Amino acid sequence: MTLKILKHSVILLSAILGSGMITSVAAQPTQERQKNPYPQEVTDAYLEACLQGSVAQGLTEKQSKSLCTCTLEQFQTRYTFDEFVQVYAETNQSDEPPPAIFDVGTACAATLTQ
């Protein structure tokens, strides 16, 4: 599961960064919504993979942390853990990330501004 999370985190970051949705990242307050619980090892692996991938894509550590925290929170708010696993399983079925990946990226791009 950890290697798949790494692969899919890189896909998510590439989609967000490659689309030009984010030119500068700074956290903005977001409305607090109920989050679905995910296993701690999954959230830890997601954040680690996301941070590594986003730094490799050229973001600073601070920007990476803001982006990765936002995307994880968006997944937890929008999807149960089983749905999250299904979203990532869909990325193995196509070279293009599923719409859910872009939806999360777009939501974070909208909340992360200069």
Protein backbone atom coordinates (compact mmCIF):
# COMPACT_ATOMS: atom_id res chain seq x y z
CA MET A 1 0.00 0.00 0.00
CA THR A 2 2.83 2.43 0.83
CA LEU A 3 4.43 2.18 -2.63
CA LYS A 4 1.06 2.70 -4.28
CA ILE A 5 0.47 5.78 -2.13
CA LEU A 6 3.86 7.14 -3.21
CA LYS A 7 3.06 6.54 -6.89
CA HIS A 8 -0.37 8.11 -6.63
CA SER A 9 0.86 11.06 -4.57
CA VAL A 10 3.36 11.84 -7.30
CA ILE A 11 0.56 11.59 -9.88
CA LEU A 12 -1.56 13.99 -7.83
CA LEU A 13 1.28 16.45 -7.42
CA SER A 14 2.21 16.27 -11.08
CA ALA A 15 -1.40 16.94 -12.02
CA ILE A 16 -1.65 19.93 -9.68
CA LEU A 17 1.71 21.45 -10.50
CA GLY A 18 1.61 20.66 -14.20
CA SER A 19 -1.76 22.30 -14.62
CA GLY A 20 -0.47 25.67 -13.48
CA MET A 21 -3.16 25.81 -10.80
CA ILE A 22 -0.56 26.73 -8.20
CA THR A 23 2.02 29.43 -8.73
CA SER A 24 2.56 30.33 -5.09
CA VAL A 25 1.49 28.47 -2.00
CA ALA A 26 0.51 29.88 1.37
CA ALA A 27 -2.08 28.41 3.70
CA GLN A 28 -5.45 30.12 3.97
CA PRO A 29 -7.92 29.25 6.71
CA THR A 30 -10.42 26.66 5.55
CA GLN A 31 -13.83 25.80 6.85
CA GLU A 32 -13.57 22.85 9.23
CA ARG A 33 -15.58 19.82 8.12
CA GLN A 34 -15.93 16.34 9.55
CA LYS A 35 -13.04 14.12 8.49
CA ASN A 36 -13.27 10.40 7.86
CA PRO A 37 -10.69 8.45 9.86
CA TYR A 38 -7.90 6.79 7.89
CA PRO A 39 -5.35 4.38 9.38
CA GLN A 40 -2.40 6.31 10.84
CA GLU A 41 0.12 4.35 8.75
CA VAL A 42 -1.73 5.39 5.59
CA THR A 43 -1.86 9.07 6.50
CA ASP A 44 1.81 9.00 7.52
CA ALA A 45 2.80 7.27 4.26
CA TYR A 46 0.68 9.66 2.19
CA LEU A 47 2.18 12.75 3.80
CA GLU A 48 5.73 11.44 3.52
CA ALA A 49 5.30 10.52 -0.14
CA CYS A 50 3.51 13.76 -0.92
CA LEU A 51 6.18 15.88 0.79
CA GLN A 52 9.00 14.10 -1.04
CA GLY A 53 7.21 14.34 -4.36
CA SER A 54 6.28 17.99 -4.04
CA VAL A 55 9.79 19.04 -2.99
CA ALA A 56 11.10 17.08 -5.98
CA GLN A 57 8.63 19.05 -8.15
CA GLY A 58 10.16 22.33 -6.94
CA LEU A 59 8.02 23.44 -4.00
CA THR A 60 9.62 24.57 -0.75
CA GLU A 61 9.17 22.42 2.34
CA LYS A 62 6.64 24.92 3.73
CA GLN A 63 4.68 24.96 0.47
CA SER A 64 4.82 21.18 0.30
CA LYS A 65 3.51 20.78 3.83
CA SER A 66 0.60 23.14 3.12
CA LEU A 67 -0.28 21.38 -0.11
CA CYS A 68 0.04 17.85 1.25
CA THR A 69 -1.93 18.61 4.39
CA CYS A 70 -4.65 20.20 2.29
CA THR A 71 -4.93 17.26 -0.11
CA LEU A 72 -5.03 14.73 2.72
CA GLU A 73 -7.72 16.73 4.52
CA GLN A 74 -9.71 17.01 1.29
CA PHE A 75 -9.56 13.25 0.79
CA GLN A 76 -10.59 12.63 4.40
CA THR A 77 -13.45 15.11 4.15
CA ARG A 78 -14.75 13.86 0.81
CA TYR A 79 -14.11 10.12 0.97
CA THR A 80 -14.34 7.29 3.45
CA PHE A 81 -11.17 5.23 3.66
CA ASP A 82 -12.67 2.55 1.39
CA GLU A 83 -13.60 5.20 -1.19
CA PHE A 84 -10.08 6.67 -0.95
CA VAL A 85 -8.63 3.23 -1.68
CA GLN A 86 -11.00 2.90 -4.66
CA VAL A 87 -9.99 6.31 -6.04
CA TYR A 88 -6.36 5.27 -5.95
CA ALA A 89 -7.16 1.85 -7.43
CA GLU A 90 -8.68 3.68 -10.40
CA THR A 91 -5.32 5.29 -11.15
CA ASN A 92 -3.97 1.83 -12.00
CA GLN A 93 -6.64 1.43 -14.68
CA SER A 94 -5.60 4.42 -16.78
CA ASP A 95 -2.66 6.68 -17.52
CA GLU A 96 -4.86 9.64 -16.58
CA PRO A 97 -5.71 10.26 -12.92
CA PRO A 98 -9.42 9.90 -12.11
CA PRO A 99 -11.52 13.06 -11.77
CA ALA A 100 -11.47 12.76 -7.96
CA ILE A 101 -7.71 13.42 -7.99
CA PHE A 102 -8.19 16.61 -9.99
CA ASP A 103 -11.11 17.67 -7.77
CA VAL A 104 -8.94 17.44 -4.67
CA GLY A 105 -6.07 19.23 -6.38
CA THR A 106 -8.35 21.99 -7.58
CA ALA A 107 -9.82 22.45 -4.11
CA CYS A 108 -6.34 22.83 -2.63
CA ALA A 109 -5.16 25.14 -5.38
CA ALA A 110 -8.14 27.38 -4.64
CA THR A 111 -7.30 27.57 -0.93
CA LEU A 112 -3.55 28.00 -1.33
CA THR A 113 -2.67 31.46 -2.60
CA GLN A 114 0.05 34.02 -2.25
